Amino acid sequence: MDEVVKIMARGLIALPSEVRKKLNLKEGDIVKLEVKENEIVIRKEERLYDLKGSLKGAKVQDKSFAQILQEELSKKHREG
């Protein structure tokens, strides 16, 4: 999907509705911008609330909550 957008005052851009729908983006969502060469990649960032229930059944041994959360975030990011 290719879309053309215009840069407005203060560097703002508006994401077309089709892009927002495809990525399930809503007002207030956080996105990550990654600059690669001459491209900008936009990814939706998972919020902690979005991960609610994702640790069900996880066996907690000697890992801290932060370690487990980081592993789950990484797993979700890889899965897309």
PDB file of N, CA and C in Angstrom:
ATOM      1  N   MET A   1       0.849  -1.168   0.000  1.00  0.00           N
ATOM      2  CA  MET A   1       0.000   0.000   0.000  1.00  0.00           C
ATOM      3  C   MET A   1       0.898   1.236   0.000  1.00  0.00           C
ATOM      4  N   ASP A   2       0.770   2.050  -0.981  1.00  0.00           N
ATOM      5  CA  ASP A   2       1.512   3.309  -1.052  1.00  0.00           C
ATOM      6  C   ASP A   2       0.533   4.466  -0.909  1.00  0.00           C
ATOM      7  N   GLU A   3       0.886   5.413  -0.088  1.00  0.00           N
ATOM      8  CA  GLU A   3       0.069   6.605   0.109  1.00  0.00           C
ATOM      9  C   GLU A   3       0.977   7.822   0.043  1.00  0.00           C
ATOM     10  N   VAL A   4       0.448   8.920  -0.422  1.00  0.00           N
ATOM     11  CA  VAL A   4       1.186  10.178  -0.470  1.00  0.00           C
ATOM     12  C   VAL A   4       0.533  11.124   0.530  1.00  0.00           C
ATOM     13  N   VAL A   5       1.365  11.712   1.393  1.00  0.00           N
ATOM     14  CA  VAL A   5       0.854  12.669   2.373  1.00  0.00           C
ATOM     15  C   VAL A   5       1.683  13.936   2.294  1.00  0.00           C
ATOM     16  N   LYS A   6       1.092  15.030   2.737  1.00  0.00           N
ATOM     17  CA  LYS A   6       1.763  16.324   2.706  1.00  0.00           C
ATOM     18  C   LYS A   6       2.229  16.681   4.112  1.00  0.00           C
ATOM     19  N   ILE A   7       3.434  17.223   4.205  1.00  0.00           N
ATOM     20  CA  ILE A   7       3.942  17.695   5.486  1.00  0.00           C
ATOM     21  C   ILE A   7       3.369  19.085   5.722  1.00  0.00           C
ATOM     22  N   MET A   8       2.733  19.238   6.884  1.00  0.00           N
ATOM     23  CA  MET A   8       2.092  20.507   7.217  1.00  0.00           C
ATOM     24  C   MET A   8       2.960  21.290   8.205  1.00  0.00           C
ATOM     25  N   ALA A   9       2.404  22.346   8.741  1.00  0.00           N
ATOM     26  CA  ALA A   9       3.127  23.185   9.701  1.00  0.00           C
ATOM     27  C   ALA A   9       3.661  22.339  10.850  1.00  0.00           C
ATOM     28  N   ARG A  10       4.825  22.700  11.342  1.00  0.00           N
ATOM     29  CA  ARG A  10       5.495  22.021  12.450  1.00  0.00           C
ATOM     30  C   ARG A  10       5.825  20.564  12.142  1.00  0.00           C
ATOM     31  N   GLY A  11       5.845  20.184  10.866  1.00  0.00           N
ATOM     32  CA  GLY A  11       6.227  18.833  10.475  1.00  0.00           C
ATOM     33  C   GLY A  11       5.149  17.783  10.653  1.00  0.00           C
ATOM     34  N   LEU A  12       3.920  18.200  10.874  1.00  0.00           N
ATOM     35  CA  LEU A  12       2.831  17.252  11.080  1.00  0.00           C
ATOM     36  C   LEU A  12       2.415  16.602   9.772  1.00  0.00           C
ATOM     37  N   ILE A  13       2.038  15.318   9.855  1.00  0.00           N
ATOM     38  CA  ILE A  13       1.449  14.625   8.711  1.00  0.00           C
ATOM     39  C   ILE A  13       0.158  13.974   9.187  1.00  0.00           C
ATOM     40  N   ALA A  14      -0.765  13.787   8.287  1.00  0.00           N
ATOM     41  CA  ALA A  14      -2.013  13.085   8.594  1.00  0.00           C
ATOM     42  C   ALA A  14      -1.954  11.727   7.902  1.00  0.00           C
ATOM     43  N   LEU A  15      -2.163  10.666   8.680  1.00  0.00           N
ATOM     44  CA  LEU A  15      -2.173   9.329   8.092  1.00  0.00           C
ATOM     45  C   LEU A  15      -3.535   9.078   7.455  1.00  0.00           C
ATOM     46  N   PRO A  16      -3.555   8.626   6.206  1.00  0.00           N
ATOM     47  CA  PRO A  16      -4.824   8.350   5.539  1.00  0.00           C
ATOM     48  C   PRO A  16      -5.632   7.300   6.312  1.00  0.00           C
ATOM     49  N   SER A  17      -6.949   7.384   6.206  1.00  0.00           N
ATOM     50  CA  SER A  17      -7.822   6.483   6.962  1.00  0.00           C
ATOM     51  C   SER A  17      -7.553   5.016   6.641  1.00  0.00           C
ATOM     52  N   GLU A  18      -7.228   4.692   5.393  1.00  0.00           N
ATOM     53  CA  GLU A  18      -6.946   3.298   5.034  1.00  0.00           C
ATOM     54  C   GLU A  18      -5.725   2.771   5.784  1.00  0.00           C
ATOM     55  N   VAL A  19      -4.716   3.616   5.954  1.00  0.00           N
ATOM     56  CA  VAL A  19      -3.517   3.221   6.695  1.00  0.00           C
ATOM     57  C   VAL A  19      -3.871   3.022   8.163  1.00  0.00           C
ATOM     58  N   ARG A  20      -4.636   3.943   8.724  1.00  0.00           N
ATOM     59  CA  ARG A  20      -5.035   3.828  10.135  1.00  0.00           C
ATOM     60  C   ARG A  20      -5.858   2.566  10.368  1.00  0.00           C
ATOM     61  N   LYS A  21      -6.750   2.258   9.438  1.00  0.00           N
ATOM     62  CA  LYS A  21      -7.570   1.049   9.571  1.00  0.00           C
ATOM     63  C   LYS A  21      -6.714  -0.205   9.480  1.00  0.00           C
ATOM     64  N   LYS A  22      -5.804  -0.236   8.513  1.00  0.00           N
ATOM     65  CA  LYS A  22      -4.959  -1.423   8.318  1.00  0.00           C
ATOM     66  C   LYS A  22      -4.090  -1.695   9.541  1.00  0.00           C
ATOM     67  N   LEU A  23      -3.592  -0.638  10.177  1.00  0.00           N
ATOM     68  CA  LEU A  23      -2.728  -0.795  11.350  1.00  0.00           C
ATOM     69  C   LEU A  23      -3.509  -0.716  12.661  1.00  0.00           C
ATOM     70  N   ASN A  24      -4.837  -0.581  12.546  1.00  0.00           N
ATOM     71  CA  ASN A  24      -5.703  -0.450  13.722  1.00  0.00           C
ATOM     72  C   ASN A  24      -5.225   0.683  14.626  1.00  0.00           C
ATOM     73  N   LEU A  25      -4.958   1.834  14.029  1.00  0.00           N
ATOM     74  CA  LEU A  25      -4.501   3.009  14.772  1.00  0.00           C
ATOM     75  C   LEU A  25      -5.685   3.893  15.126  1.00  0.00           C
ATOM     76  N   LYS A  26      -5.684   4.324  16.381  1.00  0.00           N
ATOM     77  CA  LYS A  26      -6.734   5.219  16.848  1.00  0.00           C
ATOM     78  C   LYS A  26      -6.096   6.446  17.479  1.00  0.00           C
ATOM     79  N   GLU A  27      -6.878   7.499  17.629  1.00  0.00           N
ATOM     80  CA  GLU A  27      -6.379   8.715  18.263  1.00  0.00           C
ATOM     81  C   GLU A  27      -5.793   8.376  19.633  1.00  0.00           C
ATOM     82  N   GLY A  28      -4.599   8.877  19.891  1.00  0.00           N
ATOM     83  CA  GLY A  28      -3.935   8.633  21.170  1.00  0.00           C
ATOM     84  C   GLY A  28      -2.965   7.468  21.143  1.00  0.00           C
ATOM     85  N   ASP A  29      -3.017   6.628  20.080  1.00  0.00           N
ATOM     86  CA  ASP A  29      -2.065   5.524  19.975  1.00  0.00           C
ATOM     87  C   ASP A  29      -0.654   6.066  19.801  1.00  0.00           C
ATOM     88  N   ILE A  30       0.317   5.284  20.217  1.00  0.00           N
ATOM     89  CA  ILE A  30       1.721   5.646  20.091  1.00  0.00           C
ATOM     90  C   ILE A  30       2.310   4.870  18.919  1.00  0.00           C
ATOM     91  N   VAL A  31       3.046   5.560  18.064  1.00  0.00           N
ATOM     92  CA  VAL A  31       3.742   4.901  16.962  1.00  0.00           C
ATOM     93  C   VAL A  31       5.232   5.177  17.074  1.00  0.00           C
ATOM     94  N   LYS A  32       6.015   4.274  16.515  1.00  0.00           N
ATOM     95  CA  LYS A  32       7.469   4.423  16.506  1.00  0.00           C
ATOM     96  C   LYS A  32       7.893   4.755  15.081  1.00  0.00           C
ATOM     97  N   LEU A  33       8.716   5.785  14.946  1.00  0.00           N
ATOM     98  CA  LEU A  33       9.257   6.150  13.639  1.00  0.00           C
ATOM     99  C   LEU A  33      10.691   5.656  13.564  1.00  0.00           C
ATOM    100  N   GLU A  34      10.999   4.945  12.501  1.00  0.00           N
ATOM    101  CA  GLU A  34      12.354   4.456  12.284  1.00  0.00           C
ATOM    102  C   GLU A  34      12.826   4.997  10.932  1.00  0.00           C
ATOM    103  N   VAL A  35      13.959   5.660  10.938  1.00  0.00           N
ATOM    104  CA  VAL A  35      14.505   6.216   9.700  1.00  0.00           C
ATOM    105  C   VAL A  35      15.510   5.224   9.140  1.00  0.00           C
ATOM    106  N   LYS A  36      15.276   4.795   7.897  1.00  0.00           N
ATOM    107  CA  LYS A  36      16.164   3.862   7.200  1.00  0.00           C
ATOM    108  C   LYS A  36      16.541   4.505   5.872  1.00  0.00           C
ATOM    109  N   GLU A  37      17.822   4.839   5.757  1.00  0.00           N
ATOM    110  CA  GLU A  37      18.297   5.486   4.532  1.00  0.00           C
ATOM    111  C   GLU A  37      17.406   6.694   4.238  1.00  0.00           C
ATOM    112  N   ASN A  38      16.628   6.627   3.155  1.00  0.00           N
ATOM    113  CA  ASN A  38      15.743   7.750   2.808  1.00  0.00           C
ATOM    114  C   ASN A  38      14.267   7.383   3.009  1.00  0.00           C
ATOM    115  N   GLU A  39      14.006   6.450   3.934  1.00  0.00           N
ATOM    116  CA  GLU A  39      12.645   6.014   4.213  1.00  0.00           C
ATOM    117  C   GLU A  39      12.310   6.246   5.684  1.00  0.00           C
ATOM    118  N   ILE A  40      11.031   6.371   5.947  1.00  0.00           N
ATOM    119  CA  ILE A  40      10.537   6.418   7.322  1.00  0.00           C
ATOM    120  C   ILE A  40       9.587   5.240   7.487  1.00  0.00           C
ATOM    121  N   VAL A  41       9.854   4.398   8.462  1.00  0.00           N
ATOM    122  CA  VAL A  41       8.994   3.258   8.772  1.00  0.00           C
ATOM    123  C   VAL A  41       8.204   3.617  10.029  1.00  0.00           C
ATOM    124  N   ILE A  42       6.887   3.457   9.966  1.00  0.00           N
ATOM    125  CA  ILE A  42       6.020   3.760  11.104  1.00  0.00           C
ATOM    126  C   ILE A  42       5.447   2.447  11.625  1.00  0.00           C
ATOM    127  N   ARG A  43       5.650   2.195  12.923  1.00  0.00           N
ATOM    128  CA  ARG A  43       5.130   0.981  13.552  1.00  0.00           C
ATOM    129  C   ARG A  43       4.271   1.353  14.754  1.00  0.00           C
ATOM    130  N   LYS A  44       3.193   0.631  14.931  1.00  0.00           N
ATOM    131  CA  LYS A  44       2.363   0.836  16.114  1.00  0.00           C
ATOM    132  C   LYS A  44       3.094   0.243  17.313  1.00  0.00           C
ATOM    133  N   GLU A  45       3.160   1.001  18.382  1.00  0.00           N
ATOM    134  CA  GLU A  45       3.781   0.527  19.619  1.00  0.00           C
ATOM    135  C   GLU A  45       2.701  -0.089  20.494  1.00  0.00           C
ATOM    136  N   GLU A  46       3.002  -1.224  21.063  1.00  0.00           N
ATOM    137  CA  GLU A  46       2.070  -1.867  21.983  1.00  0.00           C
ATOM    138  C   GLU A  46       2.101  -1.138  23.316  1.00  0.00           C
ATOM    139  N   ARG A  47       0.937  -0.908  23.875  1.00  0.00           N
ATOM    140  CA  ARG A  47       0.854  -0.322  25.211  1.00  0.00           C
ATOM    141  C   ARG A  47       0.739  -1.461  26.216  1.00  0.00           C
ATOM    142  N   LEU A  48       1.130  -1.197  27.434  1.00  0.00           N
ATOM    143  CA  LEU A  48       1.060  -2.210  28.472  1.00  0.00           C
ATOM    144  C   LEU A  48      -0.356  -2.764  28.581  1.00  0.00           C
ATOM    145  N   TYR A  49      -1.351  -1.897  28.476  1.00  0.00           N
ATOM    146  CA  TYR A  49      -2.741  -2.338  28.570  1.00  0.00           C
ATOM    147  C   TYR A  49      -3.085  -3.323  27.456  1.00  0.00           C
ATOM    148  N   ASP A  50      -2.508  -3.129  26.259  1.00  0.00           N
ATOM    149  CA  ASP A  50      -2.777  -4.012  25.128  1.00  0.00           C
ATOM    150  C   ASP A  50      -2.264  -5.423  25.382  1.00  0.00           C
ATOM    151  N   LEU A  51      -1.296  -5.558  26.281  1.00  0.00           N
ATOM    152  CA  LEU A  51      -0.709  -6.862  26.572  1.00  0.00           C
ATOM    153  C   LEU A  51      -1.430  -7.586  27.705  1.00  0.00           C
ATOM    154  N   LYS A  52      -2.486  -6.982  28.218  1.00  0.00           N
ATOM    155  CA  LYS A  52      -3.230  -7.578  29.323  1.00  0.00           C
ATOM    156  C   LYS A  52      -3.635  -9.004  28.954  1.00  0.00           C
ATOM    157  N   GLY A  53      -3.292  -9.931  29.818  1.00  0.00           N
ATOM    158  CA  GLY A  53      -3.639 -11.331  29.590  1.00  0.00           C
ATOM    159  C   GLY A  53      -2.627 -12.102  28.778  1.00  0.00           C
ATOM    160  N   SER A  54      -1.622 -11.450  28.225  1.00  0.00           N
ATOM    161  CA  SER A  54      -0.659 -12.164  27.382  1.00  0.00           C
ATOM    162  C   SER A  54       0.299 -13.024  28.194  1.00  0.00           C
ATOM    163  N   LEU A  55       0.350 -12.834  29.504  1.00  0.00           N
ATOM    164  CA  LEU A  55       1.237 -13.640  30.344  1.00  0.00           C
ATOM    165  C   LEU A  55       0.502 -14.793  31.021  1.00  0.00           C
ATOM    166  N   LYS A  56      -0.753 -15.009  30.694  1.00  0.00           N
ATOM    167  CA  LYS A  56      -1.501 -16.110  31.293  1.00  0.00           C
ATOM    168  C   LYS A  56      -0.787 -17.419  30.987  1.00  0.00           C
ATOM    169  N   GLY A  57      -0.588 -18.199  32.002  1.00  0.00           N
ATOM    170  CA  GLY A  57       0.061 -19.492  31.817  1.00  0.00           C
ATOM    171  C   GLY A  57       1.566 -19.424  31.759  1.00  0.00           C
ATOM    172  N   ALA A  58       2.126 -18.232  31.793  1.00  0.00           N
ATOM    173  CA  ALA A  58       3.590 -18.116  31.761  1.00  0.00           C
ATOM    174  C   ALA A  58       4.146 -18.602  33.087  1.00  0.00           C
ATOM    175  N   LYS A  59       5.189 -19.398  33.007  1.00  0.00           N
ATOM    176  CA  LYS A  59       5.820 -19.911  34.219  1.00  0.00           C
ATOM    177  C   LYS A  59       6.887 -18.931  34.672  1.00  0.00           C
ATOM    178  N   VAL A  60       6.687 -18.388  35.844  1.00  0.00           N
ATOM    179  CA  VAL A  60       7.633 -17.424  36.393  1.00  0.00           C
ATOM    180  C   VAL A  60       8.579 -18.165  37.319  1.00  0.00           C
ATOM    181  N   GLN A  61       9.858 -18.106  36.985  1.00  0.00           N
ATOM    182  CA  GLN A  61      10.852 -18.769  37.821  1.00  0.00           C
ATOM    183  C   GLN A  61      11.669 -17.700  38.511  1.00  0.00           C
ATOM    184  N   ASP A  62      12.890 -17.510  38.077  1.00  0.00           N
ATOM    185  CA  ASP A  62      13.766 -16.518  38.684  1.00  0.00           C
ATOM    186  C   ASP A  62      13.821 -15.239  37.856  1.00  0.00           C
ATOM    187  N   LYS A  63      12.863 -15.055  36.991  1.00  0.00           N
ATOM    188  CA  LYS A  63      12.862 -13.877  36.134  1.00  0.00           C
ATOM    189  C   LYS A  63      12.066 -12.766  36.800  1.00  0.00           C
ATOM    190  N   SER A  64      12.519 -11.560  36.595  1.00  0.00           N
ATOM    191  CA  SER A  64      11.763 -10.418  37.103  1.00  0.00           C
ATOM    192  C   SER A  64      10.604 -10.125  36.152  1.00  0.00           C
ATOM    193  N   PHE A  65       9.630  -9.405  36.640  1.00  0.00           N
ATOM    194  CA  PHE A  65       8.504  -9.017  35.800  1.00  0.00           C
ATOM    195  C   PHE A  65       8.992  -8.240  34.588  1.00  0.00           C
ATOM    196  N   ALA A  66       9.975  -7.372  34.791  1.00  0.00           N
ATOM    197  CA  ALA A  66      10.505  -6.565  33.686  1.00  0.00           C
ATOM    198  C   ALA A  66      11.104  -7.451  32.599  1.00  0.00           C
ATOM    199  N   GLN A  67      11.815  -8.503  32.984  1.00  0.00           N
ATOM    200  CA  GLN A  67      12.403  -9.409  31.995  1.00  0.00           C
ATOM    201  C   GLN A  67      11.309 -10.132  31.215  1.00  0.00           C
ATOM    202  N   ILE A  68      10.310 -10.611  31.936  1.00  0.00           N
ATOM    203  CA  ILE A  68       9.214 -11.328  31.280  1.00  0.00           C
ATOM    204  C   ILE A  68       8.461 -10.398  30.335  1.00  0.00           C
ATOM    205  N   LEU A  69       8.192  -9.187  30.790  1.00  0.00           N
ATOM    206  CA  LEU A  69       7.492  -8.219  29.958  1.00  0.00           C
ATOM    207  C   LEU A  69       8.292  -7.896  28.704  1.00  0.00           C
ATOM    208  N   GLN A  70       9.602  -7.707  28.856  1.00  0.00           N
ATOM    209  CA  GLN A  70      10.453  -7.407  27.702  1.00  0.00           C
ATOM    210  C   GLN A  70      10.426  -8.553  26.698  1.00  0.00           C
ATOM    211  N   GLU A  71      10.479  -9.792  27.179  1.00  0.00           N
ATOM    212  CA  GLU A  71      10.424 -10.951  26.285  1.00  0.00           C
ATOM    213  C   GLU A  71       9.097 -11.002  25.540  1.00  0.00           C
ATOM    214  N   GLU A  72       8.010 -10.736  26.245  1.00  0.00           N
ATOM    215  CA  GLU A  72       6.696 -10.748  25.607  1.00  0.00           C
ATOM    216  C   GLU A  72       6.559  -9.625  24.581  1.00  0.00           C
ATOM    217  N   LEU A  73       7.069  -8.446  24.906  1.00  0.00           N
ATOM    218  CA  LEU A  73       7.036  -7.332  23.951  1.00  0.00           C
ATOM    219  C   LEU A  73       7.848  -7.667  22.710  1.00  0.00           C
ATOM    220  N   SER A  74       9.019  -8.250  22.903  1.00  0.00           N
ATOM    221  CA  SER A  74       9.864  -8.635  21.770  1.00  0.00           C
ATOM    222  C   SER A  74       9.163  -9.674  20.914  1.00  0.00           C
ATOM    223  N   LYS A  75       8.527 -10.637  21.560  1.00  0.00           N
ATOM    224  CA  LYS A  75       7.808 -11.689  20.841  1.00  0.00           C
ATOM    225  C   LYS A  75       6.673 -11.090  20.009  1.00  0.00           C
ATOM    226  N   LYS A  76       5.885 -10.199  20.620  1.00  0.00           N
ATOM    227  CA  LYS A  76       4.783  -9.552  19.897  1.00  0.00           C
ATOM    228  C   LYS A  76       5.296  -8.725  18.728  1.00  0.00           C
ATOM    229  N   HIS A  77       6.435  -8.031  18.927  1.00  0.00           N
ATOM    230  CA  HIS A  77       7.009  -7.196  17.874  1.00  0.00           C
ATOM    231  C   HIS A  77       7.461  -8.065  16.697  1.00  0.00           C
ATOM    232  N   ARG A  78       8.076  -9.222  16.982  1.00  0.00           N
ATOM    233  CA  ARG A  78       8.529 -10.125  15.916  1.00  0.00           C
ATOM    234  C   ARG A  78       7.349 -10.694  15.144  1.00  0.00           C
ATOM    235  N   GLU A  79       6.270 -10.999  15.862  1.00  0.00           N
ATOM    236  CA  GLU A  79       5.086 -11.579  15.225  1.00  0.00           C
ATOM    237  C   GLU A  79       4.331 -10.559  14.380  1.00  0.00           C
ATOM    238  N   GLY A  80       4.576  -9.274  14.659  1.00  0.00           N
ATOM    239  CA  GLY A  80       3.947  -8.200  13.883  1.00  0.00           C
ATOM    240  C   GLY A  80       2.599  -7.943  14.363  1.00  0.00           C
TER     241      GLY A  80
END
